[in-house]
């Protein structure tokens, strides 16, 4: 019984600490607020079920974000996500708790969402989830050098769009 109480207390703590982070990640993947809410619930449910498999080899945040990415990918496989305009997605996503974003920030996120998945994943985890290269490598199960390369190439792909947008500002 005491072990069960500790497990529940830790899951509640994780929900408080990482709930917003998981929600943003799920929104970015699923492009639908209700689906993202479902994914967040499923993420923490899976964390509860698999609690004993968490060995502490990575950080709690890394482990939970990895679960959320897998949940989102599974949801996308099971059900082709309804097409939602990029503007709707950007309006739903909040990095700082404020749902209004400056135009440049919306433009940048729109360009990130158009990147191939391998670049989009590392850029979102690095800049929006504020994860370090080592954490991203753990979450995505890839070498640190691959994370660095993908970050570099992702930035290079974004550079022309950002330069063009800044010229018109």
Protein backbone atom coordinates (compact mmCIF):
# COMPACT_ATOMS: atom_id res chain seq x y z
CA UNK A 1 0.00 0.00 0.00
CA UNK A 2 2.79 2.41 0.90
CA UNK A 3 4.54 1.65 -2.41
CA UNK A 4 1.28 2.40 -4.28
CA UNK A 5 0.93 5.77 -2.48
CA UNK A 6 4.49 6.70 -3.43
CA UNK A 7 3.81 5.76 -7.06
CA UNK A 8 0.67 7.92 -7.17
CA UNK A 9 2.46 10.83 -5.47
CA UNK A 10 5.28 10.68 -8.04
CA UNK A 11 2.87 10.58 -10.98
CA UNK A 12 1.02 13.61 -9.57
CA UNK A 13 4.35 15.41 -9.13
CA UNK A 14 5.30 14.60 -12.73
CA UNK A 15 1.95 15.86 -13.97
CA UNK A 16 2.54 19.17 -12.17
CA UNK A 17 6.15 19.47 -13.35
CA UNK A 18 5.87 18.21 -16.93
CA UNK A 19 2.17 18.50 -17.83
CA UNK A 20 2.54 21.76 -19.78
CA UNK A 21 5.64 20.50 -21.55
CA UNK A 22 3.87 17.28 -22.59
CA UNK A 23 0.78 19.22 -23.71
CA UNK A 24 2.84 21.49 -25.98
CA UNK A 25 4.65 18.51 -27.48
CA UNK A 26 1.37 16.69 -28.10
CA UNK A 27 -0.17 19.80 -29.69
CA UNK A 28 2.78 20.14 -32.01
CA UNK A 29 2.51 16.52 -33.08
CA UNK A 30 -1.25 16.11 -33.29
CA UNK A 31 -2.34 19.61 -34.37
CA UNK A 32 -5.60 19.23 -32.45
CA UNK A 33 -6.27 20.41 -28.92
CA UNK A 34 -8.69 17.64 -27.92
CA UNK A 35 -6.43 14.92 -29.35
CA UNK A 36 -3.50 16.49 -27.49
CA UNK A 37 -5.45 16.42 -24.23
CA UNK A 38 -6.21 12.72 -24.81
CA UNK A 39 -2.53 12.08 -25.56
CA UNK A 40 -1.47 13.84 -22.34
CA UNK A 41 -3.86 11.69 -20.32
CA UNK A 42 -2.63 8.55 -22.06
CA UNK A 43 0.99 9.60 -21.51
CA UNK A 44 0.57 9.87 -17.76
CA UNK A 45 -1.55 6.72 -17.65
CA UNK A 46 1.25 4.85 -19.43
CA UNK A 47 3.79 6.40 -17.07
CA UNK A 48 1.70 5.08 -14.16
CA UNK A 49 1.42 1.60 -15.71
CA UNK A 50 5.12 1.46 -16.65
CA UNK A 51 6.28 3.22 -13.48
CA UNK A 52 8.33 0.22 -12.33
CA UNK A 53 10.19 0.14 -15.65
CA UNK A 54 11.62 3.62 -15.04
CA UNK A 55 15.12 2.81 -13.88
CA UNK A 56 16.39 6.36 -13.53
CA UNK A 57 18.92 5.99 -16.34
CA UNK A 58 17.50 9.15 -17.88
CA UNK A 59 15.73 12.10 -16.33
CA UNK A 60 12.05 11.83 -15.50
CA UNK A 61 11.30 14.53 -18.07
CA UNK A 62 13.17 12.67 -20.81
CA UNK A 63 11.30 9.45 -20.02
CA UNK A 64 7.89 11.13 -20.00
CA UNK A 65 8.54 13.13 -23.19
CA UNK A 66 9.59 9.89 -24.92
CA UNK A 67 6.32 8.29 -23.81
CA UNK A 68 4.35 11.29 -25.11
CA UNK A 69 6.08 11.15 -28.50
CA UNK A 70 5.29 7.45 -28.79
CA UNK A 71 1.66 8.04 -27.78
CA UNK A 72 1.32 10.77 -30.41
CA UNK A 73 2.91 8.66 -33.12
CA UNK A 74 0.60 5.78 -32.26
CA UNK A 75 -2.43 8.07 -32.38
CA UNK A 76 -1.37 9.37 -35.79
CA UNK A 77 -0.91 5.83 -37.06
CA UNK A 78 -4.32 4.72 -35.81
CA UNK A 79 -6.22 7.71 -37.05
CA UNK A 80 -5.10 10.04 -39.74
CA UNK A 81 -5.27 13.41 -38.03
CA UNK A 82 -7.93 15.70 -39.44
CA UNK A 83 -6.41 18.43 -41.56
CA UNK A 84 -6.29 21.61 -39.54
CA UNK A 85 -5.00 24.87 -40.86
CA UNK A 86 -1.57 25.88 -39.63
CA UNK A 87 -3.09 29.09 -38.24
CA UNK A 88 -5.42 27.08 -35.96
CA UNK A 89 -2.50 25.00 -34.69
CA UNK A 90 -0.42 28.07 -33.97
CA UNK A 91 -3.31 29.72 -32.15
CA UNK A 92 -3.70 26.66 -29.91
CA UNK A 93 -0.04 26.29 -29.01
CA UNK A 94 1.25 28.33 -26.09
CA UNK A 95 4.84 28.36 -24.97
CA UNK A 96 4.43 30.92 -22.21
CA UNK A 97 0.79 30.45 -21.23
CA UNK A 98 -0.33 33.28 -23.50
CA UNK A 99 -2.22 32.17 -26.60
CA UNK A 100 -1.40 35.31 -28.54
CA UNK A 101 1.90 35.24 -30.40
CA UNK A 102 3.83 37.83 -32.34
CA UNK A 103 3.71 37.25 -36.09
CA UNK A 104 7.40 36.42 -36.37
CA UNK A 105 7.08 33.69 -33.75
CA UNK A 106 4.10 32.21 -35.60
CA UNK A 107 6.04 32.29 -38.84
CA UNK A 108 9.04 30.54 -37.29
CA UNK A 109 6.90 27.80 -35.77
CA UNK A 110 5.07 27.36 -39.08
CA UNK A 111 8.40 26.84 -40.84
CA UNK A 112 9.54 24.38 -38.17
CA UNK A 113 6.33 22.38 -38.61
CA UNK A 114 7.11 22.04 -42.32
CA UNK A 115 10.54 20.49 -41.71
CA UNK A 116 11.07 16.75 -42.14
CA UNK A 117 10.31 14.90 -38.90
CA UNK A 118 13.98 14.15 -38.09
CA UNK A 119 14.77 17.89 -38.00
CA UNK A 120 11.45 19.02 -36.55
CA UNK A 121 11.78 16.65 -33.56
CA UNK A 122 15.21 17.87 -32.47
CA UNK A 123 14.37 21.55 -33.00
CA UNK A 124 11.12 21.30 -31.05
CA UNK A 125 12.77 19.41 -28.20
CA UNK A 126 15.74 21.80 -28.08
CA UNK A 127 14.02 25.17 -28.45
CA UNK A 128 10.48 24.58 -27.22
CA UNK A 129 11.12 21.96 -24.55
CA UNK A 130 14.53 23.43 -23.64
CA UNK A 131 16.22 20.02 -23.66
CA UNK A 132 19.94 19.59 -23.91
CA UNK A 133 21.56 17.55 -26.68
CA UNK A 134 22.13 14.65 -24.28
CA UNK A 135 18.45 14.58 -23.26
CA UNK A 136 17.28 14.72 -26.87
CA UNK A 137 19.58 11.82 -27.72
CA UNK A 138 18.00 9.79 -24.91
CA UNK A 139 14.45 10.68 -25.91
CA UNK A 140 14.94 9.87 -29.58
CA UNK A 141 17.33 6.95 -29.01
CA UNK A 142 19.98 8.40 -31.30
CA UNK A 143 23.64 9.37 -30.75
CA UNK A 144 24.46 12.88 -29.50
CA UNK A 145 26.40 13.54 -32.70
CA UNK A 146 23.24 12.80 -34.72
CA UNK A 147 21.27 15.27 -32.59
CA UNK A 148 23.91 17.96 -33.20
CA UNK A 149 23.92 17.25 -36.94
CA UNK A 150 20.13 17.36 -37.17
CA UNK A 151 20.00 20.60 -35.19
CA UNK A 152 22.55 22.15 -37.54
CA UNK A 153 20.80 20.94 -40.68
CA UNK A 154 17.40 21.96 -39.34
CA UNK A 155 18.67 25.46 -38.64
CA UNK A 156 20.21 25.59 -42.13
CA UNK A 157 16.85 24.66 -43.66
CA UNK A 158 15.11 27.37 -41.63
CA UNK A 159 17.69 30.07 -42.34
CA UNK A 160 16.45 31.13 -45.83
CA UNK A 161 12.87 31.51 -44.58
CA UNK A 162 13.93 33.48 -41.54
CA UNK A 163 16.19 35.80 -43.54
CA UNK A 164 13.35 36.42 -46.02
CA UNK A 165 10.86 37.16 -43.23
CA UNK A 166 13.28 39.48 -41.42
CA UNK A 167 13.90 41.42 -44.65
CA UNK A 168 10.20 42.27 -44.85
CA UNK A 169 9.96 43.32 -41.17
